[in-house]
Amino acid sequence: MESNSQHNSGKARLAFDGGSWTRLSDAASSEPETVKHISIILDGFDGYFARKLNQISAFGAWLDVVIDNLGRTMLWCFVNPKVGFVFICLEWLAFVCLHTSGPHWKTSFSNAPFWVSAVMAKGFKTLPGILTISGLNVLPLWLYKLQYNVQLPYNDILDATVYPCLIGGRILCMAVEVTDATRTLAFK
């Protein structure tokens, strides 16, 4: 069954990502960050509702990751295109490699190194998985915050604690992406 709720949520996320893109260079506005946060929240809900309403589809899963990658591509292009280019290329390569496994791509890691399996276990709902997904999704937003000096409550403490965790999470994510690409390309 094709997922109407997932497709509609995907369209909304694309609209929010497009809206944030048009406002990214407005340093006086927190609007781009807010709009991107809404898109990330919708990302969590679309999968939840697709599962709850039994509207899971291969296309919906594919669309979800494409929209995720597009949103992060826009952020990386704006925040730091030179460094972001590396992350963008790895994300799209990982997307292609993972989706060669079909709809069970999140569970096809039985032969992977233990640390890759730890990241992927329980649909990323483990400490290594949460760290990795946080680094993947939040690091570009945090860099935007730093670039435009967006202040949060307890800003100095957050910068000293959260930022290094996001960097560590993104490095772990990159290691998983490279490992998966290497494994996939070796089997083809």
N, C-alpha and C. Protein backbone atom coordinates (compact mmCIF):
# COMPACT_ATOMS: atom_id res chain seq x y z
N MET A 1 0.84 -1.18 0.00
CA MET A 1 0.00 0.00 0.00
C MET A 1 0.88 1.24 0.00
N GLU A 2 0.63 2.13 -0.91
CA GLU A 2 1.40 3.38 -0.95
C GLU A 2 0.98 4.27 0.21
N SER A 3 1.89 5.03 0.72
CA SER A 3 1.69 5.80 1.94
C SER A 3 1.30 7.25 1.64
N ASN A 4 0.01 7.54 1.73
CA ASN A 4 -0.44 8.92 1.51
C ASN A 4 0.08 9.84 2.60
N SER A 5 0.02 9.39 3.87
CA SER A 5 0.48 10.26 4.96
C SER A 5 1.97 10.54 4.82
N GLN A 6 2.74 9.53 4.42
CA GLN A 6 4.18 9.72 4.26
C GLN A 6 4.46 10.63 3.07
N HIS A 7 3.72 10.49 1.99
CA HIS A 7 3.93 11.34 0.82
C HIS A 7 3.56 12.78 1.14
N ASN A 8 2.43 12.98 1.85
CA ASN A 8 2.01 14.34 2.20
C ASN A 8 3.01 14.99 3.15
N SER A 9 3.50 14.22 4.11
CA SER A 9 4.50 14.74 5.03
C SER A 9 5.77 15.10 4.26
N GLY A 10 6.14 14.26 3.29
CA GLY A 10 7.31 14.53 2.45
C GLY A 10 7.17 15.82 1.69
N LYS A 11 5.97 16.06 1.14
CA LYS A 11 5.73 17.31 0.42
C LYS A 11 5.84 18.50 1.36
N ALA A 12 5.32 18.36 2.57
CA ALA A 12 5.41 19.45 3.55
C ALA A 12 6.87 19.70 3.91
N ARG A 13 7.64 18.63 4.11
CA ARG A 13 9.05 18.79 4.44
C ARG A 13 9.81 19.48 3.32
N LEU A 14 9.51 19.11 2.07
CA LEU A 14 10.14 19.79 0.93
C LEU A 14 9.81 21.27 0.94
N ALA A 15 8.56 21.60 1.24
CA ALA A 15 8.15 23.01 1.29
C ALA A 15 8.90 23.75 2.42
N PHE A 16 9.01 23.12 3.58
CA PHE A 16 9.73 23.75 4.70
C PHE A 16 11.21 23.91 4.37
N ASP A 17 11.80 22.88 3.76
CA ASP A 17 13.22 22.98 3.38
C ASP A 17 13.42 24.09 2.34
N GLY A 18 12.54 24.16 1.36
CA GLY A 18 12.62 25.22 0.36
C GLY A 18 12.46 26.59 0.98
N GLY A 19 11.52 26.70 1.93
CA GLY A 19 11.31 27.98 2.63
C GLY A 19 12.52 28.39 3.44
N SER A 20 13.15 27.42 4.09
CA SER A 20 14.33 27.78 4.89
C SER A 20 15.49 28.17 3.97
N TRP A 21 15.59 27.52 2.81
CA TRP A 21 16.66 27.85 1.86
C TRP A 21 16.56 29.30 1.41
N THR A 22 15.36 29.78 1.16
CA THR A 22 15.19 31.15 0.67
C THR A 22 15.57 32.17 1.73
N ARG A 23 15.60 31.77 3.00
CA ARG A 23 15.88 32.70 4.08
C ARG A 23 17.22 32.46 4.78
N LEU A 24 18.01 31.51 4.31
CA LEU A 24 19.25 31.15 5.01
C LEU A 24 20.22 32.31 5.17
N SER A 25 20.31 33.17 4.19
CA SER A 25 21.31 34.23 4.26
C SER A 25 20.87 35.42 5.12
N ASP A 26 19.67 35.37 5.68
CA ASP A 26 19.18 36.45 6.53
C ASP A 26 19.67 36.21 7.95
N ALA A 27 20.85 36.74 8.25
CA ALA A 27 21.50 36.48 9.53
C ALA A 27 20.71 37.05 10.71
N ALA A 28 19.87 38.03 10.48
CA ALA A 28 19.11 38.64 11.56
C ALA A 28 17.90 37.80 11.95
N SER A 29 17.61 36.78 11.18
CA SER A 29 16.41 35.99 11.39
C SER A 29 16.74 34.61 11.91
N SER A 30 15.95 34.13 12.86
CA SER A 30 16.09 32.75 13.30
C SER A 30 15.13 31.86 12.51
N GLU A 31 14.46 32.46 11.54
CA GLU A 31 13.46 31.76 10.73
C GLU A 31 14.01 30.53 10.02
N PRO A 32 15.17 30.60 9.36
CA PRO A 32 15.66 29.40 8.66
C PRO A 32 15.88 28.23 9.61
N GLU A 33 16.44 28.51 10.77
CA GLU A 33 16.69 27.46 11.74
C GLU A 33 15.37 26.87 12.24
N THR A 34 14.39 27.73 12.52
CA THR A 34 13.09 27.28 12.99
C THR A 34 12.40 26.43 11.93
N VAL A 35 12.43 26.87 10.69
CA VAL A 35 11.79 26.13 9.60
C VAL A 35 12.47 24.78 9.42
N LYS A 36 13.79 24.73 9.52
CA LYS A 36 14.50 23.46 9.38
C LYS A 36 14.15 22.54 10.54
N HIS A 37 14.01 23.09 11.75
CA HIS A 37 13.61 22.27 12.90
C HIS A 37 12.23 21.65 12.65
N ILE A 38 11.32 22.41 12.08
CA ILE A 38 9.99 21.88 11.78
C ILE A 38 10.10 20.72 10.80
N SER A 39 10.96 20.87 9.80
CA SER A 39 11.16 19.80 8.82
C SER A 39 11.71 18.54 9.50
N ILE A 40 12.63 18.71 10.44
CA ILE A 40 13.21 17.56 11.16
C ILE A 40 12.14 16.89 12.02
N ILE A 41 11.30 17.68 12.67
CA ILE A 41 10.21 17.12 13.48
C ILE A 41 9.24 16.35 12.60
N LEU A 42 8.89 16.92 11.44
CA LEU A 42 8.01 16.20 10.51
C LEU A 42 8.64 14.90 10.04
N ASP A 43 9.95 14.88 9.91
CA ASP A 43 10.66 13.67 9.50
C ASP A 43 10.39 12.55 10.50
N GLY A 44 10.40 12.88 11.78
CA GLY A 44 10.12 11.87 12.80
C GLY A 44 8.68 11.40 12.76
N PHE A 45 7.76 12.32 12.50
CA PHE A 45 6.35 11.95 12.52
C PHE A 45 5.91 11.17 11.29
N ASP A 46 6.50 11.44 10.12
CA ASP A 46 6.00 10.75 8.93
C ASP A 46 6.23 9.24 9.02
N GLY A 47 7.39 8.84 9.51
CA GLY A 47 7.65 7.40 9.67
C GLY A 47 6.76 6.79 10.74
N TYR A 48 6.58 7.51 11.84
CA TYR A 48 5.73 7.03 12.92
C TYR A 48 4.30 6.79 12.42
N PHE A 49 3.74 7.78 11.73
CA PHE A 49 2.37 7.64 11.25
C PHE A 49 2.25 6.61 10.14
N ALA A 50 3.26 6.50 9.30
CA ALA A 50 3.22 5.48 8.24
C ALA A 50 3.15 4.08 8.87
N ARG A 51 3.95 3.88 9.94
CA ARG A 51 3.91 2.57 10.62
C ARG A 51 2.59 2.38 11.35
N LYS A 52 2.14 3.41 12.04
CA LYS A 52 0.90 3.33 12.83
C LYS A 52 -0.31 3.07 11.94
N LEU A 53 -0.34 3.69 10.77
CA LEU A 53 -1.48 3.55 9.85
C LEU A 53 -1.25 2.42 8.83
N ASN A 54 -0.15 1.67 9.02
CA ASN A 54 0.19 0.58 8.11
C ASN A 54 0.26 1.06 6.66
N GLN A 55 0.92 2.18 6.46
CA GLN A 55 1.08 2.76 5.13
C GLN A 55 2.56 2.84 4.74
N ILE A 56 3.29 1.82 5.10
CA ILE A 56 4.71 1.78 4.78
C ILE A 56 4.87 1.32 3.33
N SER A 57 5.74 2.00 2.60
CA SER A 57 6.01 1.59 1.22
C SER A 57 7.49 1.78 0.93
N ALA A 58 7.96 1.03 -0.04
CA ALA A 58 9.36 1.17 -0.46
C ALA A 58 9.60 2.58 -0.99
N PHE A 59 8.63 3.10 -1.75
CA PHE A 59 8.79 4.45 -2.28
C PHE A 59 8.80 5.48 -1.16
N GLY A 60 7.94 5.31 -0.15
CA GLY A 60 7.91 6.25 0.98
C GLY A 60 9.23 6.26 1.74
N ALA A 61 9.82 5.08 1.94
CA ALA A 61 11.11 4.99 2.62
C ALA A 61 12.20 5.67 1.79
N TRP A 62 12.16 5.43 0.49
CA TRP A 62 13.11 6.05 -0.42
C TRP A 62 12.95 7.57 -0.40
N LEU A 63 11.71 8.04 -0.52
CA LEU A 63 11.41 9.47 -0.54
C LEU A 63 11.88 10.14 0.75
N ASP A 64 11.67 9.47 1.87
CA ASP A 64 12.07 10.01 3.17
C ASP A 64 13.57 10.32 3.19
N VAL A 65 14.39 9.38 2.74
CA VAL A 65 15.84 9.58 2.75
C VAL A 65 16.26 10.63 1.72
N VAL A 66 15.62 10.65 0.57
CA VAL A 66 15.93 11.67 -0.44
C VAL A 66 15.67 13.07 0.13
N ILE A 67 14.53 13.25 0.79
CA ILE A 67 14.20 14.56 1.36
C ILE A 67 15.18 14.92 2.47
N ASP A 68 15.54 13.93 3.31
CA ASP A 68 16.56 14.17 4.34
C ASP A 68 17.85 14.68 3.70
N ASN A 69 18.30 13.96 2.69
CA ASN A 69 19.57 14.33 2.03
C ASN A 69 19.48 15.69 1.35
N LEU A 70 18.36 15.98 0.71
CA LEU A 70 18.21 17.30 0.07
C LEU A 70 18.30 18.42 1.10
N GLY A 71 17.62 18.25 2.23
CA GLY A 71 17.65 19.28 3.28
C GLY A 71 19.06 19.51 3.81
N ARG A 72 19.77 18.40 4.07
CA ARG A 72 21.15 18.55 4.56
C ARG A 72 22.07 19.09 3.48
N THR A 73 21.83 18.71 2.23
CA THR A 73 22.64 19.25 1.13
C THR A 73 22.51 20.76 1.08
N MET A 74 21.28 21.27 1.21
CA MET A 74 21.08 22.73 1.19
C MET A 74 21.83 23.39 2.34
N LEU A 75 21.72 22.81 3.54
CA LEU A 75 22.40 23.41 4.69
C LEU A 75 23.92 23.39 4.52
N TRP A 76 24.47 22.25 4.11
CA TRP A 76 25.92 22.17 3.95
C TRP A 76 26.41 23.12 2.87
N CYS A 77 25.65 23.25 1.77
CA CYS A 77 26.05 24.17 0.70
C CYS A 77 26.11 25.60 1.21
N PHE A 78 25.24 25.93 2.11
CA PHE A 78 25.21 27.29 2.63
C PHE A 78 26.26 27.49 3.73
N VAL A 79 26.35 26.56 4.66
CA VAL A 79 27.21 26.74 5.83
C VAL A 79 28.69 26.62 5.50
N ASN A 80 29.05 25.57 4.77
CA ASN A 80 30.46 25.37 4.43
C ASN A 80 30.55 24.45 3.22
N PRO A 81 30.46 25.02 2.01
CA PRO A 81 30.42 24.18 0.82
C PRO A 81 31.67 23.31 0.62
N LYS A 82 32.83 23.79 1.05
CA LYS A 82 34.06 23.01 0.83
C LYS A 82 34.09 21.75 1.69
N VAL A 83 33.82 21.88 2.97
CA VAL A 83 33.77 20.72 3.86
C VAL A 83 32.47 19.96 3.63
N GLY A 84 31.38 20.68 3.48
CA GLY A 84 30.07 20.07 3.28
C GLY A 84 30.02 19.18 2.06
N PHE A 85 30.80 19.52 1.04
CA PHE A 85 30.84 18.73 -0.19
C PHE A 85 31.20 17.28 0.10
N VAL A 86 32.17 17.07 1.00
CA VAL A 86 32.59 15.72 1.37
C VAL A 86 31.43 14.97 2.01
N PHE A 87 30.76 15.63 2.97
CA PHE A 87 29.64 15.00 3.66
C PHE A 87 28.49 14.72 2.70
N ILE A 88 28.20 15.66 1.82
CA ILE A 88 27.12 15.50 0.85
C ILE A 88 27.38 14.30 -0.05
N CYS A 89 28.58 14.22 -0.58
CA CYS A 89 28.92 13.09 -1.47
C CYS A 89 28.81 11.76 -0.74
N LEU A 90 29.31 11.71 0.49
CA LEU A 90 29.23 10.46 1.26
C LEU A 90 27.77 10.09 1.55
N GLU A 91 26.95 11.08 1.90
CA GLU A 91 25.54 10.79 2.19
C GLU A 91 24.83 10.21 0.98
N TRP A 92 25.05 10.80 -0.19
CA TRP A 92 24.38 10.31 -1.39
C TRP A 92 24.94 8.95 -1.80
N LEU A 93 26.23 8.73 -1.63
CA LEU A 93 26.81 7.42 -1.92
C LEU A 93 26.24 6.37 -0.97
N ALA A 94 26.16 6.70 0.31
CA ALA A 94 25.58 5.77 1.29
C ALA A 94 24.12 5.48 0.96
N PHE A 95 23.39 6.50 0.54
CA PHE A 95 21.99 6.32 0.15
C PHE A 95 21.87 5.29 -0.97
N VAL A 96 22.67 5.44 -1.99
CA VAL A 96 22.61 4.51 -3.13
C VAL A 96 23.01 3.10 -2.67
N CYS A 97 24.09 3.01 -1.92
CA CYS A 97 24.56 1.70 -1.46
C CYS A 97 23.56 1.02 -0.54
N LEU A 98 23.03 1.75 0.43
CA LEU A 98 22.08 1.16 1.37
C LEU A 98 20.80 0.71 0.67
N HIS A 99 20.35 1.47 -0.28
CA HIS A 99 19.10 1.12 -0.93
C HIS A 99 19.23 -0.02 -1.95
N THR A 100 20.45 -0.47 -2.20
CA THR A 100 20.59 -1.69 -2.99
C THR A 100 20.18 -2.90 -2.16
N SER A 101 20.10 -2.72 -0.84
CA SER A 101 19.66 -3.80 0.06
C SER A 101 18.14 -3.94 0.08
N GLY A 102 17.44 -3.03 -0.57
CA GLY A 102 15.99 -3.10 -0.60
C GLY A 102 15.36 -2.52 0.65
N PRO A 103 14.11 -2.89 0.92
CA PRO A 103 13.36 -2.26 2.00
C PRO A 103 13.90 -2.59 3.40
N HIS A 104 14.76 -3.59 3.50
CA HIS A 104 15.30 -3.97 4.82
C HIS A 104 16.72 -3.44 5.02
N TRP A 105 17.01 -2.28 4.43
CA TRP A 105 18.37 -1.76 4.48
C TRP A 105 18.85 -1.48 5.90
N LYS A 106 17.93 -1.17 6.83
CA LYS A 106 18.35 -0.87 8.19
C LYS A 106 18.75 -2.13 8.96
N THR A 107 18.38 -3.30 8.47
CA THR A 107 18.65 -4.53 9.21
C THR A 107 19.63 -5.45 8.49
N SER A 108 20.28 -4.98 7.46
CA SER A 108 21.17 -5.84 6.68
C SER A 108 22.63 -5.68 7.11
N PHE A 109 22.88 -5.71 8.42
CA PHE A 109 24.23 -5.46 8.93
C PHE A 109 24.76 -6.58 9.79
N SER A 110 24.28 -7.80 9.55
CA SER A 110 24.73 -8.93 10.37
C SER A 110 26.22 -9.22 10.17
N ASN A 111 26.76 -8.96 8.99
CA ASN A 111 28.18 -9.23 8.72
C ASN A 111 29.04 -7.99 8.87
N ALA A 112 28.47 -6.91 9.36
CA ALA A 112 29.22 -5.65 9.49
C ALA A 112 30.08 -5.68 10.75
N PRO A 113 31.09 -4.81 10.81
CA PRO A 113 31.85 -4.67 12.06
C PRO A 113 30.90 -4.35 13.22
N PHE A 114 31.29 -4.73 14.43
CA PHE A 114 30.41 -4.59 15.59
C PHE A 114 29.95 -3.14 15.80
N TRP A 115 30.83 -2.19 15.54
CA TRP A 115 30.48 -0.78 15.78
C TRP A 115 29.46 -0.29 14.76
N VAL A 116 29.48 -0.80 13.54
CA VAL A 116 28.45 -0.46 12.55
C VAL A 116 27.12 -1.07 12.98
N SER A 117 27.15 -2.33 13.41
CA SER A 117 25.94 -2.98 13.90
C SER A 117 25.37 -2.24 15.10
N ALA A 118 26.24 -1.73 15.98
CA ALA A 118 25.79 -0.99 17.16
C ALA A 118 25.07 0.29 16.75
N VAL A 119 25.57 0.97 15.72
CA VAL A 119 24.92 2.19 15.23
C VAL A 119 23.56 1.86 14.64
N MET A 120 23.49 0.80 13.85
CA MET A 120 22.27 0.46 13.12
C MET A 120 21.23 -0.27 13.98
N ALA A 121 21.64 -0.83 15.11
CA ALA A 121 20.75 -1.65 15.94
C ALA A 121 19.50 -0.89 16.37
N LYS A 122 18.40 -1.60 16.39
CA LYS A 122 17.11 -1.07 16.86
C LYS A 122 16.72 0.20 16.13
N GLY A 123 17.03 0.27 14.83
CA GLY A 123 16.65 1.45 14.04
C GLY A 123 17.29 2.73 14.53
N PHE A 124 18.56 2.66 14.91
CA PHE A 124 19.34 3.79 15.41
C PHE A 124 18.96 4.20 16.83
N LYS A 125 18.17 3.39 17.52
CA LYS A 125 17.70 3.75 18.87
C LYS A 125 18.60 3.13 19.94
N THR A 126 19.89 3.33 19.75
CA THR A 126 20.91 2.96 20.74
C THR A 126 21.77 4.20 20.93
N LEU A 127 22.62 4.20 21.94
CA LEU A 127 23.47 5.37 22.17
C LEU A 127 24.34 5.69 20.95
N PRO A 128 25.04 4.68 20.36
CA PRO A 128 25.82 5.00 19.15
C PRO A 128 24.92 5.47 17.99
N GLY A 129 23.73 4.90 17.87
CA GLY A 129 22.81 5.31 16.81
C GLY A 129 22.33 6.74 16.99
N ILE A 130 21.97 7.08 18.21
CA ILE A 130 21.50 8.45 18.50
C ILE A 130 22.62 9.45 18.28
N LEU A 131 23.82 9.11 18.73
CA LEU A 131 24.98 9.99 18.52
C LEU A 131 25.22 10.21 17.02
N THR A 132 25.15 9.13 16.25
CA THR A 132 25.39 9.20 14.81
C THR A 132 24.33 10.04 14.11
N ILE A 133 23.07 9.77 14.39
CA ILE A 133 21.98 10.50 13.73
C ILE A 133 21.98 11.97 14.17
N SER A 134 22.34 12.23 15.42
CA SER A 134 22.45 13.63 15.87
C SER A 134 23.55 14.35 15.11
N GLY A 135 24.70 13.70 14.97
CA GLY A 135 25.79 14.32 14.20
C GLY A 135 25.39 14.56 12.76
N LEU A 136 24.68 13.61 12.18
CA LEU A 136 24.24 13.72 10.79
C LEU A 136 23.26 14.88 10.60
N ASN A 137 22.24 14.94 11.46
CA ASN A 137 21.16 15.92 11.26
C ASN A 137 21.39 17.27 11.92
N VAL A 138 22.03 17.28 13.07
CA VAL A 138 22.09 18.53 13.85
C VAL A 138 23.38 19.31 13.61
N LEU A 139 24.49 18.63 13.25
CA LEU A 139 25.74 19.35 13.05
C LEU A 139 25.62 20.50 12.06
N PRO A 140 25.00 20.32 10.87
CA PRO A 140 24.90 21.47 9.97
C PRO A 140 24.09 22.62 10.57
N LEU A 141 23.05 22.30 11.34
CA LEU A 141 22.28 23.35 12.02
C LEU A 141 23.13 24.06 13.07
N TRP A 142 23.93 23.29 13.79
CA TRP A 142 24.79 23.87 14.83
C TRP A 142 25.83 24.79 14.19
N LEU A 143 26.37 24.38 13.05
CA LEU A 143 27.33 25.23 12.34
C LEU A 143 26.67 26.52 11.86
N TYR A 144 25.41 26.42 11.44
CA TYR A 144 24.66 27.63 11.07
C TYR A 144 24.54 28.54 12.30
N LYS A 145 24.21 27.94 13.45
CA LYS A 145 24.09 28.69 14.71
C LYS A 145 25.40 29.40 15.03
N LEU A 146 26.52 28.70 14.89
CA LEU A 146 27.82 29.30 15.17
C LEU A 146 28.17 30.39 14.16
N GLN A 147 27.88 30.13 12.89
CA GLN A 147 28.22 31.08 11.83
C GLN A 147 27.48 32.41 12.02
N TYR A 148 26.24 32.35 12.47
CA TYR A 148 25.44 33.56 12.63
C TYR A 148 25.26 33.97 14.08
N ASN A 149 26.07 33.37 14.96
CA ASN A 149 26.08 33.73 16.37
C ASN A 149 24.68 33.70 16.98
N VAL A 150 23.93 32.66 16.65
CA VAL A 150 22.60 32.46 17.24
C VAL A 150 22.82 32.01 18.68
N GLN A 151 22.23 32.73 19.61
CA GLN A 151 22.43 32.44 21.02
C GLN A 151 21.28 31.60 21.57
N LEU A 152 21.64 30.59 22.33
CA LEU A 152 20.67 29.73 23.00
C LEU A 152 20.83 29.90 24.50
N PRO A 153 19.82 29.54 25.28
CA PRO A 153 20.03 29.54 26.74
C PRO A 153 21.20 28.60 27.06
N TYR A 154 22.04 29.01 27.98
CA TYR A 154 23.23 28.25 28.37
C TYR A 154 24.14 28.00 27.16
N ASN A 155 24.26 28.99 26.32
CA ASN A 155 24.97 28.87 25.05
C ASN A 155 26.40 28.35 25.20
N ASP A 156 27.17 28.92 26.13
CA ASP A 156 28.58 28.51 26.28
C ASP A 156 28.70 27.05 26.70
N ILE A 157 27.84 26.63 27.62
CA ILE A 157 27.87 25.24 28.08
C ILE A 157 27.49 24.30 26.93
N LEU A 158 26.46 24.68 26.17
CA LEU A 158 26.04 23.86 25.04
C LEU A 158 27.13 23.77 23.97
N ASP A 159 27.76 24.90 23.69
CA ASP A 159 28.84 24.88 22.70
C ASP A 159 30.00 23.99 23.15
N ALA A 160 30.27 23.99 24.46
CA ALA A 160 31.39 23.19 24.98
C ALA A 160 31.05 21.71 25.09
N THR A 161 29.77 21.35 25.18
CA THR A 161 29.40 19.95 25.37
C THR A 161 28.73 19.33 24.13
N VAL A 162 27.75 20.02 23.58
CA VAL A 162 26.98 19.45 22.48
C VAL A 162 27.78 19.46 21.18
N TYR A 163 28.44 20.55 20.88
CA TYR A 163 29.18 20.67 19.62
C TYR A 163 30.21 19.55 19.43
N PRO A 164 31.06 19.25 20.45
CA PRO A 164 32.00 18.13 20.27
C PRO A 164 31.28 16.78 20.07
N CYS A 165 30.15 16.59 20.73
CA CYS A 165 29.39 15.35 20.53
C CYS A 165 28.85 15.26 19.11
N LEU A 166 28.41 16.38 18.57
CA LEU A 166 27.91 16.39 17.19
C LEU A 166 29.02 16.09 16.20
N ILE A 167 30.19 16.64 16.45
CA ILE A 167 31.35 16.35 15.58
C ILE A 167 31.70 14.86 15.67
N GLY A 168 31.75 14.34 16.89
CA GLY A 168 32.03 12.91 17.07
C GLY A 168 30.98 12.05 16.39
N GLY A 169 29.73 12.44 16.52
CA GLY A 169 28.65 11.69 15.87
C GLY A 169 28.76 11.72 14.36
N ARG A 170 29.15 12.87 13.81
CA ARG A 170 29.28 12.95 12.35
C ARG A 170 30.47 12.15 11.85
N ILE A 171 31.55 12.11 12.64
CA ILE A 171 32.71 11.28 12.28
C ILE A 171 32.32 9.80 12.30
N LEU A 172 31.57 9.39 13.33
CA LEU A 172 31.10 8.01 13.40
C LEU A 172 30.19 7.71 12.21
N CYS A 173 29.31 8.64 11.87
CA CYS A 173 28.43 8.48 10.72
C CYS A 173 29.23 8.30 9.44
N MET A 174 30.26 9.13 9.29
CA MET A 174 31.10 9.05 8.10
C MET A 174 31.79 7.69 8.03
N ALA A 175 32.23 7.18 9.16
CA ALA A 175 32.88 5.86 9.18
C ALA A 175 31.89 4.77 8.77
N VAL A 176 30.64 4.87 9.23
CA VAL A 176 29.61 3.91 8.84
C VAL A 176 29.34 4.02 7.34
N GLU A 177 29.23 5.25 6.84
CA GLU A 177 28.97 5.46 5.41
C GLU A 177 30.08 4.87 4.55
N VAL A 178 31.33 5.11 4.93
CA VAL A 178 32.47 4.60 4.16
C VAL A 178 32.51 3.07 4.24
N THR A 179 32.27 2.53 5.42
CA THR A 179 32.27 1.07 5.59
C THR A 179 31.18 0.44 4.74
N ASP A 180 29.98 1.03 4.77
CA ASP A 180 28.88 0.47 3.99
C ASP A 180 29.17 0.56 2.49
N ALA A 181 29.67 1.70 2.05
CA ALA A 181 29.99 1.86 0.62
C ALA A 181 31.06 0.85 0.20
N THR A 182 32.07 0.67 1.03
CA THR A 182 33.14 -0.28 0.72
C THR A 182 32.59 -1.70 0.63
N ARG A 183 31.75 -2.08 1.60
CA ARG A 183 31.14 -3.42 1.60
C ARG A 183 30.23 -3.61 0.39
N THR A 184 29.42 -2.63 0.09
CA THR A 184 28.47 -2.75 -1.02
C THR A 184 29.20 -2.84 -2.33
N LEU A 185 30.16 -1.96 -2.55
CA LEU A 185 30.89 -1.96 -3.81
C LEU A 185 31.75 -3.21 -3.99
N ALA A 186 32.20 -3.81 -2.90
CA ALA A 186 32.99 -5.06 -2.98
C ALA A 186 32.13 -6.23 -3.42
N PHE A 187 30.82 -6.19 -3.11
CA PHE A 187 29.91 -7.29 -3.47
C PHE A 187 29.33 -7.16 -4.85
N LYS A 188 29.48 -6.02 -5.50
CA LYS A 188 28.85 -5.79 -6.80
C LYS A 188 29.77 -6.16 -7.93
